[in-house]
């Protein structure tokens, strides 16, 4: 036994009379450290929570490492307790999985639990992505419909051209001029005195007479 120890431990125990006393001395020296390590490993397993953005596979593997470390230092954690501790460490997104496990009284071992959790995670992520795609599609359709309504309202608001008395548009080239009122010379509507044919004819006759 002394031959397998390092130099420091061997020098400390070379005067011990029997193996029992050596084991008792080693337990006194390292037993407290082992107990503390076991306590820390169990505490880590009980307080572990799956982090945001972490995969469930990576989280379960971390939990298994805590269990192995605790058992290495003398703890005994049965399979059912390990599964329960893992389920309690999962976020609310796994509530449906946990409820189904309890209500149907399932009994997974660690490998089955890991596989089922990874399958559930993959399905949940697919549903979330599909829902996000539908939201984007609905927003796009709503934006297009809103743009069409705006264009339609804008088109309806354009002022209409007013038509002249003869039915033609007043701002087109070549349109017939609007009537100018009643002539003060001949009394006929549609022209003024300076354009009156009778007035111009009478004025021409007067010039000839003079």
N, C-alpha and C. Protein backbone atom coordinates (compact mmCIF):
# COMPACT_ATOMS: atom_id res chain seq x y z
N UNK A 1 0.83 -1.21 0.00
CA UNK A 1 0.00 0.00 0.00
C UNK A 1 0.87 1.26 0.00
N UNK A 2 1.95 1.22 0.83
CA UNK A 2 2.84 2.38 0.87
C UNK A 2 3.55 2.60 -0.45
N UNK A 3 3.81 1.52 -1.19
CA UNK A 3 4.52 1.64 -2.46
C UNK A 3 3.69 2.38 -3.50
N UNK A 4 2.38 2.33 -3.38
CA UNK A 4 1.52 3.01 -4.34
C UNK A 4 1.24 4.45 -4.01
N UNK A 5 1.75 4.93 -2.91
CA UNK A 5 1.51 6.32 -2.51
C UNK A 5 2.60 7.23 -3.05
N UNK A 6 2.28 8.54 -3.08
CA UNK A 6 3.33 9.49 -3.43
C UNK A 6 4.28 9.68 -2.25
N UNK A 7 5.35 10.39 -2.45
CA UNK A 7 6.40 10.50 -1.44
C UNK A 7 5.90 11.12 -0.14
N UNK A 8 5.05 12.13 -0.26
CA UNK A 8 4.57 12.83 0.94
C UNK A 8 3.74 11.90 1.81
N UNK A 9 2.77 11.20 1.17
CA UNK A 9 1.91 10.28 1.93
C UNK A 9 2.70 9.09 2.47
N UNK A 10 3.64 8.61 1.69
CA UNK A 10 4.43 7.46 2.14
C UNK A 10 5.24 7.81 3.39
N UNK A 11 5.89 8.98 3.39
CA UNK A 11 6.66 9.40 4.56
C UNK A 11 5.77 9.58 5.79
N UNK A 12 4.54 10.06 5.53
CA UNK A 12 3.62 10.29 6.66
C UNK A 12 3.16 8.98 7.29
N UNK A 13 3.04 7.90 6.48
CA UNK A 13 2.47 6.65 6.97
C UNK A 13 3.48 5.51 7.10
N UNK A 14 4.77 5.77 6.93
CA UNK A 14 5.74 4.66 6.97
C UNK A 14 5.90 4.06 8.36
N UNK A 15 5.50 4.81 9.41
CA UNK A 15 5.62 4.28 10.77
C UNK A 15 4.30 3.70 11.28
N UNK A 16 3.24 3.73 10.42
CA UNK A 16 1.96 3.16 10.84
C UNK A 16 2.09 1.64 10.83
N UNK A 17 1.51 1.00 11.84
CA UNK A 17 1.75 -0.43 12.03
C UNK A 17 0.97 -1.32 11.05
N UNK A 18 -0.28 -1.01 10.70
CA UNK A 18 -1.06 -1.89 9.83
C UNK A 18 -1.88 -1.10 8.80
N UNK A 19 -2.44 -1.85 7.84
CA UNK A 19 -3.19 -1.23 6.73
C UNK A 19 -4.47 -0.56 7.22
N UNK A 20 -5.11 -1.11 8.23
CA UNK A 20 -6.35 -0.52 8.73
C UNK A 20 -6.11 0.90 9.22
N UNK A 21 -5.03 1.09 9.94
CA UNK A 21 -4.72 2.42 10.45
C UNK A 21 -4.38 3.39 9.31
N UNK A 22 -3.72 2.85 8.26
CA UNK A 22 -3.43 3.70 7.10
C UNK A 22 -4.73 4.15 6.43
N UNK A 23 -5.69 3.22 6.23
CA UNK A 23 -6.98 3.55 5.60
C UNK A 23 -7.74 4.55 6.45
N UNK A 24 -7.68 4.36 7.75
CA UNK A 24 -8.37 5.28 8.65
C UNK A 24 -7.77 6.69 8.55
N UNK A 25 -6.46 6.76 8.42
CA UNK A 25 -5.78 8.06 8.29
C UNK A 25 -6.14 8.73 6.97
N UNK A 26 -6.17 7.92 5.90
CA UNK A 26 -6.53 8.48 4.58
C UNK A 26 -7.98 8.97 4.55
N UNK A 27 -8.86 8.23 5.21
CA UNK A 27 -10.26 8.64 5.27
C UNK A 27 -10.41 9.96 6.02
N UNK A 28 -9.62 10.10 7.07
CA UNK A 28 -9.65 11.35 7.84
C UNK A 28 -9.15 12.52 6.99
N UNK A 29 -8.11 12.25 6.18
CA UNK A 29 -7.52 13.32 5.37
C UNK A 29 -8.39 13.71 4.18
N UNK A 30 -8.96 12.72 3.50
CA UNK A 30 -9.64 12.99 2.22
C UNK A 30 -11.15 12.76 2.26
N UNK A 31 -11.63 12.21 3.36
CA UNK A 31 -13.08 11.92 3.44
C UNK A 31 -13.92 13.18 3.39
N UNK A 32 -13.47 14.21 4.08
CA UNK A 32 -14.22 15.47 4.11
C UNK A 32 -14.28 16.10 2.73
N UNK A 33 -13.17 16.03 1.99
CA UNK A 33 -13.13 16.58 0.64
C UNK A 33 -14.07 15.83 -0.28
N UNK A 34 -14.13 14.49 -0.16
CA UNK A 34 -15.02 13.70 -1.00
C UNK A 34 -16.48 14.03 -0.69
N UNK A 35 -16.80 14.20 0.58
CA UNK A 35 -18.17 14.54 0.98
C UNK A 35 -18.59 15.89 0.43
N UNK A 36 -17.67 16.84 0.46
CA UNK A 36 -17.96 18.17 -0.07
C UNK A 36 -18.19 18.13 -1.58
N UNK A 37 -17.38 17.34 -2.28
CA UNK A 37 -17.53 17.22 -3.73
C UNK A 37 -18.86 16.58 -4.08
N UNK A 38 -19.26 15.56 -3.30
CA UNK A 38 -20.56 14.92 -3.53
C UNK A 38 -21.69 15.92 -3.33
N UNK A 39 -21.59 16.70 -2.27
CA UNK A 39 -22.61 17.71 -1.99
C UNK A 39 -22.71 18.73 -3.13
N UNK A 40 -21.57 19.18 -3.63
CA UNK A 40 -21.56 20.17 -4.71
C UNK A 40 -22.16 19.59 -5.99
N UNK A 41 -21.84 18.33 -6.28
CA UNK A 41 -22.37 17.71 -7.49
C UNK A 41 -23.88 17.55 -7.43
N UNK A 42 -24.39 17.14 -6.27
CA UNK A 42 -25.85 16.99 -6.10
C UNK A 42 -26.53 18.36 -6.20
N UNK A 43 -25.92 19.37 -5.56
CA UNK A 43 -26.50 20.72 -5.60
C UNK A 43 -26.54 21.25 -7.04
N UNK A 44 -25.48 21.01 -7.79
CA UNK A 44 -25.44 21.46 -9.19
C UNK A 44 -26.54 20.79 -10.01
N UNK A 45 -26.76 19.50 -9.77
CA UNK A 45 -27.80 18.78 -10.50
C UNK A 45 -29.19 19.29 -10.14
N UNK A 46 -29.42 19.60 -8.87
CA UNK A 46 -30.74 20.06 -8.42
C UNK A 46 -31.04 21.48 -8.89
N UNK A 47 -30.02 22.32 -8.97
CA UNK A 47 -30.21 23.73 -9.34
C UNK A 47 -30.05 24.00 -10.83
N UNK A 48 -29.67 22.99 -11.59
CA UNK A 48 -29.42 23.19 -13.03
C UNK A 48 -30.73 23.55 -13.74
N UNK A 49 -30.65 24.50 -14.66
CA UNK A 49 -31.78 24.90 -15.49
C UNK A 49 -31.30 25.07 -16.93
N UNK A 50 -32.12 24.65 -17.84
CA UNK A 50 -31.76 24.77 -19.25
C UNK A 50 -31.70 26.24 -19.64
N UNK A 51 -30.60 26.67 -20.23
CA UNK A 51 -30.39 28.06 -20.58
C UNK A 51 -31.09 28.41 -21.90
N UNK A 52 -31.43 29.67 -22.05
CA UNK A 52 -32.06 30.15 -23.28
C UNK A 52 -31.10 29.99 -24.46
N UNK A 53 -31.58 29.38 -25.52
CA UNK A 53 -30.75 29.16 -26.70
C UNK A 53 -29.96 27.87 -26.65
N UNK A 54 -29.96 27.19 -25.52
CA UNK A 54 -29.23 25.92 -25.39
C UNK A 54 -30.09 24.78 -25.90
N UNK A 55 -29.47 23.81 -26.57
CA UNK A 55 -30.22 22.65 -27.04
C UNK A 55 -30.52 21.73 -25.87
N UNK A 56 -31.64 21.01 -25.95
CA UNK A 56 -32.01 20.12 -24.86
C UNK A 56 -31.01 18.97 -24.74
N UNK A 57 -30.40 18.57 -25.87
CA UNK A 57 -29.40 17.50 -25.83
C UNK A 57 -28.19 17.88 -25.00
N UNK A 58 -27.68 19.11 -25.22
CA UNK A 58 -26.52 19.58 -24.46
C UNK A 58 -26.86 19.71 -22.98
N UNK A 59 -28.07 20.17 -22.69
CA UNK A 59 -28.48 20.34 -21.29
C UNK A 59 -28.56 19.00 -20.56
N UNK A 60 -29.16 17.99 -21.20
CA UNK A 60 -29.29 16.68 -20.58
C UNK A 60 -27.92 16.06 -20.34
N UNK A 61 -27.00 16.22 -21.28
CA UNK A 61 -25.65 15.69 -21.10
C UNK A 61 -24.94 16.35 -19.92
N UNK A 62 -25.16 17.64 -19.72
CA UNK A 62 -24.60 18.32 -18.55
C UNK A 62 -25.17 17.73 -17.25
N UNK A 63 -26.46 17.47 -17.26
CA UNK A 63 -27.10 16.87 -16.08
C UNK A 63 -26.52 15.48 -15.79
N UNK A 64 -26.33 14.71 -16.83
CA UNK A 64 -25.76 13.37 -16.65
C UNK A 64 -24.36 13.45 -16.05
N UNK A 65 -23.59 14.44 -16.47
CA UNK A 65 -22.24 14.63 -15.89
C UNK A 65 -22.32 14.93 -14.39
N UNK A 66 -23.33 15.73 -13.98
CA UNK A 66 -23.50 16.00 -12.55
C UNK A 66 -23.83 14.71 -11.79
N UNK A 67 -24.69 13.88 -12.37
CA UNK A 67 -25.06 12.63 -11.72
C UNK A 67 -23.84 11.71 -11.58
N UNK A 68 -23.04 11.62 -12.63
CA UNK A 68 -21.85 10.76 -12.59
C UNK A 68 -20.87 11.25 -11.54
N UNK A 69 -20.69 12.57 -11.48
CA UNK A 69 -19.77 13.13 -10.49
C UNK A 69 -20.25 12.85 -9.07
N UNK A 70 -21.55 12.99 -8.84
CA UNK A 70 -22.09 12.74 -7.51
C UNK A 70 -21.92 11.26 -7.13
N UNK A 71 -22.17 10.36 -8.07
CA UNK A 71 -22.03 8.92 -7.80
C UNK A 71 -20.57 8.55 -7.59
N UNK A 72 -19.67 9.25 -8.28
CA UNK A 72 -18.24 8.99 -8.09
C UNK A 72 -17.81 9.26 -6.66
N UNK A 73 -18.47 10.24 -6.04
CA UNK A 73 -18.13 10.61 -4.66
C UNK A 73 -19.03 9.93 -3.65
N UNK A 74 -19.74 8.90 -4.08
CA UNK A 74 -20.50 8.08 -3.12
C UNK A 74 -21.99 8.30 -3.08
N UNK A 75 -22.53 9.21 -3.86
CA UNK A 75 -23.98 9.44 -3.86
C UNK A 75 -24.69 8.34 -4.64
N UNK A 76 -25.94 8.09 -4.29
CA UNK A 76 -26.75 7.11 -5.00
C UNK A 76 -28.03 7.80 -5.48
N UNK A 77 -28.16 7.97 -6.80
CA UNK A 77 -29.34 8.62 -7.38
C UNK A 77 -29.94 7.64 -8.38
N UNK A 78 -31.13 7.11 -8.08
CA UNK A 78 -31.73 6.11 -8.96
C UNK A 78 -32.20 6.75 -10.27
N UNK A 79 -32.48 5.91 -11.27
CA UNK A 79 -32.83 6.40 -12.61
C UNK A 79 -34.10 7.25 -12.61
N UNK A 80 -35.11 6.83 -11.84
CA UNK A 80 -36.35 7.59 -11.79
C UNK A 80 -36.15 8.99 -11.26
N UNK A 81 -35.30 9.10 -10.22
CA UNK A 81 -35.00 10.42 -9.64
C UNK A 81 -34.23 11.28 -10.63
N UNK A 82 -33.30 10.69 -11.36
CA UNK A 82 -32.54 11.44 -12.36
C UNK A 82 -33.46 11.99 -13.44
N UNK A 83 -34.40 11.17 -13.93
CA UNK A 83 -35.35 11.62 -14.94
C UNK A 83 -36.20 12.77 -14.40
N UNK A 84 -36.69 12.64 -13.17
CA UNK A 84 -37.51 13.70 -12.57
C UNK A 84 -36.74 15.01 -12.44
N UNK A 85 -35.47 14.92 -12.06
CA UNK A 85 -34.65 16.12 -11.91
C UNK A 85 -34.43 16.79 -13.26
N UNK A 86 -34.24 16.00 -14.30
CA UNK A 86 -34.06 16.57 -15.64
C UNK A 86 -35.33 17.25 -16.11
N UNK A 87 -36.48 16.62 -15.90
CA UNK A 87 -37.76 17.21 -16.33
C UNK A 87 -38.02 18.53 -15.60
N UNK A 88 -37.67 18.60 -14.33
CA UNK A 88 -37.88 19.82 -13.56
C UNK A 88 -36.95 20.94 -13.99
N UNK A 89 -35.86 20.60 -14.66
CA UNK A 89 -34.89 21.61 -15.07
C UNK A 89 -35.22 22.23 -16.43
N UNK A 90 -36.28 21.72 -17.09
CA UNK A 90 -36.62 22.18 -18.43
C UNK A 90 -37.47 23.45 -18.38
N UNK A 91 -37.40 24.30 -19.41
CA UNK A 91 -38.18 25.55 -19.45
C UNK A 91 -39.65 25.28 -19.76
N UNK A 92 -40.52 26.31 -19.68
CA UNK A 92 -41.96 26.15 -19.93
C UNK A 92 -42.29 25.62 -21.32
N UNK A 93 -41.39 25.79 -22.29
CA UNK A 93 -41.66 25.29 -23.64
C UNK A 93 -41.80 23.77 -23.69
N UNK A 94 -41.33 23.09 -22.63
CA UNK A 94 -41.44 21.63 -22.56
C UNK A 94 -42.56 21.19 -21.63
N UNK A 95 -43.48 22.10 -21.28
CA UNK A 95 -44.57 21.77 -20.37
C UNK A 95 -45.45 20.66 -20.91
N UNK A 96 -45.74 20.71 -22.21
CA UNK A 96 -46.57 19.67 -22.82
C UNK A 96 -45.91 18.29 -22.71
N UNK A 97 -44.59 18.25 -22.93
CA UNK A 97 -43.85 17.00 -22.83
C UNK A 97 -43.92 16.47 -21.39
N UNK A 98 -43.69 17.33 -20.41
CA UNK A 98 -43.70 16.90 -19.02
C UNK A 98 -45.09 16.42 -18.59
N UNK A 99 -46.12 17.15 -19.02
CA UNK A 99 -47.48 16.75 -18.67
C UNK A 99 -47.82 15.39 -19.26
N UNK A 100 -47.44 15.18 -20.50
CA UNK A 100 -47.70 13.90 -21.16
C UNK A 100 -46.95 12.76 -20.45
N UNK A 101 -45.73 13.03 -20.00
CA UNK A 101 -44.93 12.00 -19.31
C UNK A 101 -45.59 11.58 -18.00
N UNK A 102 -46.08 12.57 -17.25
CA UNK A 102 -46.68 12.28 -15.95
C UNK A 102 -48.06 11.63 -16.11
N UNK A 103 -48.90 12.21 -16.98
CA UNK A 103 -50.28 11.73 -17.12
C UNK A 103 -50.34 10.31 -17.68
N UNK A 104 -49.42 9.99 -18.58
CA UNK A 104 -49.41 8.65 -19.18
C UNK A 104 -48.51 7.66 -18.44
N UNK A 105 -47.94 8.13 -17.30
CA UNK A 105 -47.11 7.27 -16.45
C UNK A 105 -46.02 6.57 -17.24
N UNK A 106 -45.30 7.36 -18.04
CA UNK A 106 -44.22 6.80 -18.85
C UNK A 106 -43.01 6.50 -17.98
N UNK A 107 -42.15 5.64 -18.47
CA UNK A 107 -40.98 5.23 -17.71
C UNK A 107 -39.79 5.11 -18.66
N UNK A 108 -39.15 6.26 -18.95
CA UNK A 108 -38.02 6.27 -19.86
C UNK A 108 -36.71 6.05 -19.09
N UNK A 109 -35.79 5.35 -19.73
CA UNK A 109 -34.43 5.38 -19.21
C UNK A 109 -33.75 6.62 -19.77
N UNK A 110 -32.50 6.84 -19.42
CA UNK A 110 -31.83 8.09 -19.79
C UNK A 110 -31.70 8.24 -21.31
N UNK A 111 -31.40 7.15 -22.01
CA UNK A 111 -31.26 7.21 -23.47
C UNK A 111 -32.59 7.52 -24.14
N UNK A 112 -33.66 6.87 -23.68
CA UNK A 112 -34.99 7.12 -24.25
C UNK A 112 -35.44 8.56 -23.99
N UNK A 113 -35.18 9.02 -22.77
CA UNK A 113 -35.56 10.38 -22.43
C UNK A 113 -34.86 11.39 -23.32
N UNK A 114 -33.56 11.20 -23.54
CA UNK A 114 -32.80 12.11 -24.38
C UNK A 114 -33.33 12.13 -25.80
N UNK A 115 -33.62 10.97 -26.36
CA UNK A 115 -34.13 10.88 -27.73
C UNK A 115 -35.50 11.54 -27.87
N UNK A 116 -36.38 11.28 -26.90
CA UNK A 116 -37.74 11.84 -26.96
C UNK A 116 -37.72 13.36 -26.80
N UNK A 117 -36.86 13.85 -25.93
CA UNK A 117 -36.76 15.30 -25.75
C UNK A 117 -36.24 15.99 -27.00
N UNK A 118 -35.26 15.39 -27.66
CA UNK A 118 -34.71 15.96 -28.89
C UNK A 118 -35.75 15.96 -30.01
N UNK A 119 -36.56 14.89 -30.08
CA UNK A 119 -37.63 14.84 -31.08
C UNK A 119 -38.67 15.92 -30.82
N UNK A 120 -39.07 16.07 -29.56
CA UNK A 120 -40.05 17.09 -29.19
C UNK A 120 -39.53 18.48 -29.51
N UNK A 121 -38.26 18.72 -29.23
CA UNK A 121 -37.64 20.02 -29.51
C UNK A 121 -37.66 20.32 -31.00
N UNK A 122 -37.32 19.34 -31.82
CA UNK A 122 -37.29 19.54 -33.28
C UNK A 122 -38.68 19.87 -33.82
N UNK A 123 -39.70 19.19 -33.31
CA UNK A 123 -41.08 19.45 -33.75
C UNK A 123 -41.52 20.84 -33.31
N UNK A 124 -41.19 21.23 -32.09
CA UNK A 124 -41.58 22.54 -31.57
C UNK A 124 -40.93 23.67 -32.36
N UNK A 125 -39.64 23.52 -32.68
CA UNK A 125 -38.94 24.54 -33.47
C UNK A 125 -39.57 24.66 -34.85
N UNK A 126 -39.94 23.53 -35.45
CA UNK A 126 -40.58 23.56 -36.77
C UNK A 126 -41.90 24.30 -36.74
N UNK A 127 -42.68 24.11 -35.67
CA UNK A 127 -43.96 24.80 -35.56
C UNK A 127 -43.77 26.30 -35.39
N UNK A 128 -42.77 26.67 -34.58
CA UNK A 128 -42.49 28.10 -34.37
C UNK A 128 -42.08 28.77 -35.67
N UNK A 129 -41.20 28.12 -36.43
CA UNK A 129 -40.74 28.69 -37.70
C UNK A 129 -41.89 28.81 -38.69
N UNK A 130 -42.78 27.82 -38.70
CA UNK A 130 -43.93 27.87 -39.60
C UNK A 130 -44.86 29.01 -39.22
N UNK A 131 -45.05 29.19 -37.91
CA UNK A 131 -45.90 30.29 -37.44
C UNK A 131 -45.32 31.64 -37.79
N UNK A 132 -44.00 31.80 -37.66
CA UNK A 132 -43.35 33.07 -38.01
C UNK A 132 -43.47 33.34 -39.50
N UNK A 133 -43.35 32.30 -40.32
CA UNK A 133 -43.48 32.47 -41.77
C UNK A 133 -44.89 32.92 -42.14
N UNK A 134 -45.90 32.37 -41.46
CA UNK A 134 -47.29 32.76 -41.72
C UNK A 134 -47.54 34.20 -41.32
N UNK A 135 -46.94 34.63 -40.22
CA UNK A 135 -47.10 36.02 -39.77
C UNK A 135 -46.50 36.98 -40.80
N UNK A 136 -45.31 36.65 -41.30
CA UNK A 136 -44.66 37.49 -42.31
C UNK A 136 -45.51 37.54 -43.58
N UNK A 137 -46.06 36.41 -43.97
CA UNK A 137 -46.90 36.35 -45.17
C UNK A 137 -48.16 37.19 -44.99
N UNK A 138 -48.78 37.11 -43.82
CA UNK A 138 -49.98 37.90 -43.56
C UNK A 138 -49.68 39.39 -43.56
N UNK A 139 -48.53 39.77 -42.98
CA UNK A 139 -48.15 41.18 -42.97
C UNK A 139 -47.91 41.70 -44.38
N UNK A 140 -47.28 40.87 -45.21
CA UNK A 140 -47.01 41.25 -46.59
C UNK A 140 -48.30 41.44 -47.37
N UNK A 141 -49.25 40.49 -47.18
CA UNK A 141 -50.54 40.58 -47.87
C UNK A 141 -51.31 41.80 -47.41
N UNK A 142 -51.25 42.08 -46.11
CA UNK A 142 -51.95 43.24 -45.56
C UNK A 142 -51.37 44.54 -46.11
N UNK A 143 -50.04 44.60 -46.25
CA UNK A 143 -49.39 45.80 -46.77
C UNK A 143 -49.79 46.04 -48.23
N UNK A 144 -49.82 44.95 -49.02
CA UNK A 144 -50.21 45.08 -50.43
C UNK A 144 -51.65 45.55 -50.55
N UNK A 145 -52.54 44.98 -49.73
CA UNK A 145 -53.95 45.37 -49.78
C UNK A 145 -54.12 46.83 -49.38
N UNK A 146 -53.36 47.26 -48.36
CA UNK A 146 -53.43 48.66 -47.91
C UNK A 146 -52.95 49.60 -49.01
N UNK A 147 -51.88 49.21 -49.72
CA UNK A 147 -51.36 50.04 -50.80
C UNK A 147 -52.37 50.16 -51.93
N UNK A 148 -53.05 49.05 -52.25
CA UNK A 148 -54.07 49.08 -53.30
C UNK A 148 -55.21 50.01 -52.92
N UNK A 149 -55.63 49.95 -51.65
CA UNK A 149 -56.72 50.83 -51.20
C UNK A 149 -56.32 52.30 -51.30
N UNK A 150 -55.06 52.59 -50.93
CA UNK A 150 -54.59 53.99 -51.01
C UNK A 150 -54.58 54.48 -52.44
N UNK A 151 -54.09 53.64 -53.34
CA UNK A 151 -54.05 54.03 -54.75
C UNK A 151 -55.44 54.23 -55.31
N UNK A 152 -56.37 53.36 -54.87
CA UNK A 152 -57.74 53.47 -55.35
C UNK A 152 -58.40 54.76 -54.88
N UNK A 153 -58.17 55.08 -53.60
CA UNK A 153 -58.73 56.32 -53.05
C UNK A 153 -58.10 57.53 -53.71
N UNK A 154 -56.81 57.45 -53.99
CA UNK A 154 -56.10 58.55 -54.64
C UNK A 154 -56.66 58.79 -56.04
N UNK A 155 -56.97 57.71 -56.76
CA UNK A 155 -57.52 57.83 -58.11
C UNK A 155 -58.91 58.43 -58.10
N UNK A 156 -59.70 58.06 -57.07
CA UNK A 156 -61.06 58.59 -56.98
C UNK A 156 -61.06 60.07 -56.64
N UNK A 157 -60.04 60.55 -55.98
CA UNK A 157 -60.00 61.94 -55.55
C UNK A 157 -59.55 62.92 -56.62
N UNK A 158 -59.14 62.44 -57.79
CA UNK A 158 -58.67 63.34 -58.85
C UNK A 158 -59.83 64.17 -59.38
N UNK A 159 -59.67 65.48 -59.57
CA UNK A 159 -60.77 66.34 -60.04
C UNK A 159 -61.16 66.01 -61.47
N UNK A 160 -62.46 66.00 -61.71
CA UNK A 160 -62.97 65.74 -63.07
C UNK A 160 -62.99 67.02 -63.89
N UNK A 161 -62.76 66.87 -65.18
CA UNK A 161 -62.80 68.03 -66.08
C UNK A 161 -64.24 68.46 -66.31
N UNK A 162 -64.46 69.75 -66.20
CA UNK A 162 -65.80 70.27 -66.46
C UNK A 162 -66.00 70.46 -67.95
N UNK A 163 -67.18 70.18 -68.41
CA UNK A 163 -67.49 70.28 -69.84
C UNK A 163 -68.19 71.60 -70.14
N UNK A 164 -67.94 72.04 -71.33
CA UNK A 164 -68.58 73.27 -71.79
C UNK A 164 -70.05 73.01 -72.12
N UNK A 165 -70.77 74.04 -72.46
CA UNK A 165 -72.19 73.93 -72.75
C UNK A 165 -72.47 72.99 -73.91
N UNK A 166 -71.46 72.82 -74.83
CA UNK A 166 -71.68 71.95 -76.00
C UNK A 166 -71.16 70.53 -75.77
N UNK A 167 -70.73 70.20 -74.49
CA UNK A 167 -70.32 68.83 -74.19
C UNK A 167 -68.84 68.56 -74.33
N UNK A 168 -68.03 69.50 -74.80
CA UNK A 168 -66.59 69.29 -74.97
C UNK A 168 -65.84 69.72 -73.74
N UNK A 169 -64.63 69.15 -73.54
CA UNK A 169 -63.80 69.54 -72.40
C UNK A 169 -63.25 70.92 -72.62
N UNK A 170 -63.33 71.76 -71.62
CA UNK A 170 -62.94 73.16 -71.76
C UNK A 170 -61.46 73.38 -71.90
N UNK A 171 -60.60 72.40 -71.51
CA UNK A 171 -59.17 72.65 -71.55
C UNK A 171 -58.50 72.00 -72.74
N UNK A 172 -59.28 71.49 -73.69
CA UNK A 172 -58.68 70.89 -74.89
C UNK A 172 -58.57 71.93 -75.99
N UNK A 173 -57.48 71.81 -76.75
CA UNK A 173 -57.25 72.73 -77.85
C UNK A 173 -58.28 72.53 -78.94
N UNK A 174 -58.83 73.61 -79.47
CA UNK A 174 -59.81 73.50 -80.54
C UNK A 174 -61.23 73.47 -80.06
N UNK A 175 -61.44 73.50 -78.71
CA UNK A 175 -62.81 73.49 -78.21
C UNK A 175 -63.54 74.76 -78.64
N UNK A 176 -64.84 74.66 -78.83
CA UNK A 176 -65.67 75.82 -79.18
C UNK A 176 -65.71 76.77 -78.00
N UNK A 177 -65.54 78.08 -78.29
CA UNK A 177 -65.51 79.07 -77.22
C UNK A 177 -66.87 79.19 -76.58
N UNK A 178 -66.87 79.49 -75.32
CA UNK A 178 -68.11 79.68 -74.59
C UNK A 178 -68.82 80.94 -75.10
N UNK A 179 -70.16 80.92 -75.21
CA UNK A 179 -70.90 82.11 -75.67
C UNK A 179 -70.52 83.35 -74.89
N UNK A 180 -70.43 84.46 -75.59
CA UNK A 180 -69.95 85.69 -74.99
C UNK A 180 -71.04 86.63 -74.52
N UNK A 181 -72.29 86.27 -74.69
CA UNK A 181 -73.37 87.12 -74.20
C UNK A 181 -74.20 87.72 -75.36
N UNK A 182 -74.99 88.68 -75.03
CA UNK A 182 -75.91 89.28 -76.01
C UNK A 182 -75.29 90.51 -76.66
N UNK A 183 -75.40 90.56 -78.00
CA UNK A 183 -74.87 91.70 -78.76
C UNK A 183 -75.76 92.93 -78.53
N UNK A 184 -75.11 94.07 -78.23
CA UNK A 184 -75.88 95.29 -77.98
C UNK A 184 -76.35 95.97 -79.26
N UNK A 185 -75.88 95.50 -80.42
CA UNK A 185 -76.26 96.11 -81.70
C UNK A 185 -77.45 95.42 -82.34
N UNK A 186 -77.33 94.07 -82.42
CA UNK A 186 -78.42 93.34 -83.08
C UNK A 186 -79.31 92.59 -82.10
N UNK A 187 -78.85 92.48 -80.83
CA UNK A 187 -79.67 91.82 -79.83
C UNK A 187 -79.60 90.29 -79.86
N UNK A 188 -78.71 89.73 -80.66
CA UNK A 188 -78.59 88.28 -80.78
C UNK A 188 -77.48 87.78 -79.83
N UNK A 189 -77.74 86.64 -79.17
CA UNK A 189 -76.73 86.05 -78.28
C UNK A 189 -75.61 85.39 -79.07
N UNK A 190 -74.41 85.32 -78.48
CA UNK A 190 -73.32 84.56 -79.08
C UNK A 190 -72.15 85.40 -79.53
N UNK A 191 -72.26 86.69 -79.55
CA UNK A 191 -71.13 87.53 -79.94
C UNK A 191 -71.31 88.92 -79.35
N UNK A 192 -70.21 89.67 -79.40
CA UNK A 192 -70.26 91.04 -78.94
C UNK A 192 -70.45 91.97 -80.12
N UNK A 193 -70.63 93.24 -79.79
CA UNK A 193 -70.93 94.24 -80.84
C UNK A 193 -69.79 94.37 -81.84
N UNK A 194 -68.51 94.34 -81.37
CA UNK A 194 -67.39 94.52 -82.28
C UNK A 194 -67.26 93.37 -83.29
N UNK A 195 -67.88 92.22 -82.94
CA UNK A 195 -67.84 91.08 -83.85
C UNK A 195 -69.18 90.85 -84.57
N UNK A 196 -70.11 91.74 -84.35
CA UNK A 196 -71.45 91.57 -84.92
C UNK A 196 -71.41 91.76 -86.45
N UNK A 197 -71.84 90.80 -87.24
CA UNK A 197 -71.83 90.91 -88.70
C UNK A 197 -72.66 92.12 -89.19
N UNK A 198 -73.84 92.34 -88.55
CA UNK A 198 -74.70 93.44 -88.96
C UNK A 198 -74.04 94.79 -88.68
N UNK A 199 -73.39 94.88 -87.50
CA UNK A 199 -72.72 96.12 -87.14
C UNK A 199 -71.58 96.41 -88.10
N UNK A 200 -70.79 95.36 -88.43
CA UNK A 200 -69.67 95.53 -89.34
C UNK A 200 -70.15 95.93 -90.74
N UNK A 201 -71.28 95.35 -91.15
CA UNK A 201 -71.83 95.68 -92.47
C UNK A 201 -72.34 97.12 -92.51
N UNK A 202 -73.03 97.52 -91.45
CA UNK A 202 -73.56 98.91 -91.38
C UNK A 202 -72.39 99.90 -91.34
N UNK A 203 -71.30 99.50 -90.61
CA UNK A 203 -70.15 100.39 -90.50
C UNK A 203 -69.47 100.55 -91.86
N UNK A 204 -69.46 99.48 -92.64
CA UNK A 204 -68.85 99.52 -93.97
C UNK A 204 -69.66 100.40 -94.91
N UNK A 205 -70.99 100.34 -94.81
CA UNK A 205 -71.84 101.15 -95.66
C UNK A 205 -71.69 102.64 -95.34
N UNK A 206 -71.55 102.95 -94.07
CA UNK A 206 -71.36 104.32 -93.67
C UNK A 206 -70.08 104.91 -94.24
N UNK A 207 -69.01 104.09 -94.22
CA UNK A 207 -67.73 104.55 -94.78
C UNK A 207 -67.85 104.82 -96.26
N UNK A 208 -68.59 103.98 -97.00
CA UNK A 208 -68.77 104.17 -98.45
C UNK A 208 -69.55 105.46 -98.72
N UNK A 209 -70.52 105.72 -97.86
CA UNK A 209 -71.38 106.90 -98.07
C UNK A 209 -70.61 108.19 -97.86
N UNK A 210 -69.67 108.17 -97.01
CA UNK A 210 -68.87 109.36 -96.76
C UNK A 210 -67.76 109.51 -97.79
